[in-house]
């Protein structure tokens, strides 16, 4: 077999893989849009007292068996953001979005938008403002800032 036969076979395999990934991706995008629409329809604003928040595995969170059965097997071992809160007379364990989790203060009353057991956004915090965590610096951004600072101090020393 010559080298161009092998090249054609490899290109066909890559082409088939790309076509399969395209169709799987469009199917998953449609599924995600349907889920977002369902979450938008079920959202409601709730006032709650945040007791505790942690990042832990799904099986360690103490969620009901109904929730555990609905979660796919590969997601059961993944760590998620959980918030233990008192909503009215009940203490509930809720799942928080990653961006929202950082801004939720503990031991304070918060108005949040929830959809089922999922916290999607924070509306307000009683007795204070919403704390926005500082953005994490990227690896190369740290060096850029340091080089700018050192060049400025050298210029000041020359003057």
Protein backbone atom coordinates (compact mmCIF):
# COMPACT_ATOMS: atom_id res chain seq x y z
CA UNK A 1 0.00 0.00 0.00
CA UNK A 2 1.40 3.39 -0.92
CA UNK A 3 1.59 6.43 1.34
CA UNK A 4 -1.23 8.30 -0.37
CA UNK A 5 -3.63 5.37 0.26
CA UNK A 6 -2.90 5.68 3.96
CA UNK A 7 -3.34 9.45 3.79
CA UNK A 8 -6.76 9.10 2.12
CA UNK A 9 -7.91 6.59 4.74
CA UNK A 10 -6.81 8.86 7.61
CA UNK A 11 -8.55 11.86 6.02
CA UNK A 12 -11.78 9.87 5.59
CA UNK A 13 -11.70 8.82 9.25
CA UNK A 14 -11.13 12.43 10.37
CA UNK A 15 -13.94 13.66 8.10
CA UNK A 16 -16.38 11.06 9.47
CA UNK A 17 -15.42 11.99 13.04
CA UNK A 18 -16.05 15.69 12.33
CA UNK A 19 -19.47 14.99 10.81
CA UNK A 20 -20.47 12.87 13.81
CA UNK A 21 -19.29 15.59 16.23
CA UNK A 22 -21.27 18.22 14.32
CA UNK A 23 -24.53 16.30 14.57
CA UNK A 24 -23.98 15.40 18.23
CA UNK A 25 -23.17 19.05 19.00
CA UNK A 26 -26.32 20.39 17.34
CA UNK A 27 -28.43 17.82 19.18
CA UNK A 28 -26.90 18.80 22.52
CA UNK A 29 -27.36 22.52 21.75
CA UNK A 30 -31.07 21.98 21.13
CA UNK A 31 -31.34 20.05 24.39
CA UNK A 32 -29.58 22.86 26.27
CA UNK A 33 -31.92 25.49 24.79
CA UNK A 34 -34.93 23.45 25.90
CA UNK A 35 -33.51 23.19 29.42
CA UNK A 36 -32.87 26.95 29.58
CA UNK A 37 -36.42 27.66 28.47
CA UNK A 38 -37.76 25.32 31.14
CA UNK A 39 -35.60 26.97 33.82
CA UNK A 40 -36.81 30.42 32.73
CA UNK A 41 -40.42 29.28 33.02
CA UNK A 42 -39.93 27.90 36.54
CA UNK A 43 -37.84 30.72 38.04
CA UNK A 44 -39.05 32.58 41.10
CA UNK A 45 -37.62 35.14 43.51
CA UNK A 46 -37.19 33.85 47.06
CA UNK A 47 -35.84 35.38 50.25
CA UNK A 48 -33.62 33.00 52.22
CA UNK A 49 -31.15 32.95 55.08
CA UNK A 50 -27.89 31.35 53.96
CA UNK A 51 -26.58 29.00 56.63
CA UNK A 52 -23.61 27.42 54.90
CA UNK A 53 -22.06 26.98 51.47
CA UNK A 54 -19.65 24.30 50.30
CA UNK A 55 -18.20 22.65 47.23
CA UNK A 56 -18.72 18.90 47.51
CA UNK A 57 -19.79 15.78 45.68
CA UNK A 58 -23.44 15.22 44.90
CA UNK A 59 -23.71 12.07 47.00
CA UNK A 60 -22.29 13.87 50.07
CA UNK A 61 -24.77 16.76 49.88
CA UNK A 62 -27.72 14.86 51.34
CA UNK A 63 -30.11 15.50 48.47
CA UNK A 64 -33.30 13.40 48.16
CA UNK A 65 -33.21 10.09 46.27
CA UNK A 66 -35.43 11.53 43.53
CA UNK A 67 -32.73 14.08 42.67
CA UNK A 68 -29.96 11.47 42.82
CA UNK A 69 -31.83 9.21 40.38
CA UNK A 70 -32.30 12.04 37.86
CA UNK A 71 -28.61 12.99 37.74
CA UNK A 72 -26.52 11.19 35.11
CA UNK A 73 -24.01 8.65 36.42
CA UNK A 74 -20.96 10.58 35.23
CA UNK A 75 -22.08 13.70 37.15
CA UNK A 76 -22.52 11.96 40.50
CA UNK A 77 -18.79 12.02 41.19
CA UNK A 78 -18.28 15.65 40.09
CA UNK A 79 -18.02 18.37 42.70
CA UNK A 80 -20.75 20.99 42.68
CA UNK A 81 -21.56 24.16 44.64
CA UNK A 82 -24.13 23.63 47.40
CA UNK A 83 -25.85 26.19 49.61
CA UNK A 84 -27.67 25.22 52.78
CA UNK A 85 -30.35 27.82 53.41
CA UNK A 86 -33.48 28.44 55.44
CA UNK A 87 -36.40 29.33 53.19
CA UNK A 88 -39.37 30.14 55.36
CA UNK A 89 -39.62 27.42 58.05
CA UNK A 90 -37.71 24.81 55.99
CA UNK A 91 -33.98 24.20 55.75
CA UNK A 92 -33.06 23.18 52.21
CA UNK A 93 -29.94 22.23 50.28
CA UNK A 94 -29.73 24.06 46.96
CA UNK A 95 -27.31 23.88 44.04
CA UNK A 96 -25.73 27.20 43.04
CA UNK A 97 -24.30 28.45 39.79
CA UNK A 98 -20.50 28.87 39.94
CA UNK A 99 -20.66 32.67 39.46
CA UNK A 100 -23.41 33.08 42.04
CA UNK A 101 -21.73 30.84 44.62
CA UNK A 102 -18.76 33.18 45.06
CA UNK A 103 -21.01 36.20 45.67
CA UNK A 104 -23.40 34.60 48.18
CA UNK A 105 -22.60 35.75 51.73
CA UNK A 106 -23.05 33.31 54.61
CA UNK A 107 -25.16 34.10 57.68
CA UNK A 108 -27.10 36.80 55.82
CA UNK A 109 -30.55 37.09 54.31
CA UNK A 110 -30.46 37.14 50.52
CA UNK A 111 -33.04 37.50 47.77
CA UNK A 112 -32.20 35.09 44.98
CA UNK A 113 -33.76 33.74 41.80
CA UNK A 114 -34.22 29.98 41.99
CA UNK A 115 -35.47 27.45 39.49
CA UNK A 116 -36.33 24.22 41.26
CA UNK A 117 -33.31 23.59 43.50
CA UNK A 118 -30.91 25.62 41.35
CA UNK A 119 -29.85 29.17 42.31
CA UNK A 120 -29.37 31.19 39.14
CA UNK A 121 -28.77 34.78 40.33
CA UNK A 122 -28.70 37.10 43.33
CA UNK A 123 -31.14 40.00 43.47
CA UNK A 124 -30.14 41.69 46.74
CA UNK A 125 -28.55 41.18 50.14
CA UNK A 126 -30.22 42.44 53.28
CA UNK A 127 -28.00 44.69 55.35
CA UNK A 128 -25.31 45.20 52.75
CA UNK A 129 -24.38 44.99 49.14
CA UNK A 130 -23.57 42.06 46.92
CA UNK A 131 -19.92 41.15 47.23
CA UNK A 132 -18.32 40.65 43.86
CA UNK A 133 -15.20 38.52 44.16
CA UNK A 134 -12.08 39.84 42.44
CA UNK A 135 -11.33 38.35 39.05
CA UNK A 136 -8.63 35.75 39.04
CA UNK A 137 -5.57 36.85 37.16
CA UNK A 138 -4.42 34.75 34.29
CA UNK A 139 -0.90 33.41 34.28
CA UNK A 140 0.53 35.82 31.70
CA UNK A 141 -1.41 38.83 33.05
CA UNK A 142 0.58 38.64 36.27
CA UNK A 143 3.82 39.02 34.35
CA UNK A 144 2.48 41.89 32.25
CA UNK A 145 1.55 43.88 35.32
CA UNK A 146 4.89 43.24 36.97
CA UNK A 147 6.84 44.36 33.91
CA UNK A 148 4.81 47.58 33.68
CA UNK A 149 5.35 48.34 37.37
CA UNK A 150 9.11 47.80 37.15
CA UNK A 151 9.42 50.02 34.05
CA UNK A 152 7.52 52.81 35.83
CA UNK A 153 9.79 52.70 38.86
CA UNK A 154 12.90 52.84 36.66
CA UNK A 155 11.56 55.97 34.93
CA UNK A 156 10.85 57.60 38.29
CA UNK A 157 14.37 56.87 39.50
CA UNK A 158 15.90 58.51 36.41
CA UNK A 159 13.96 61.74 37.06
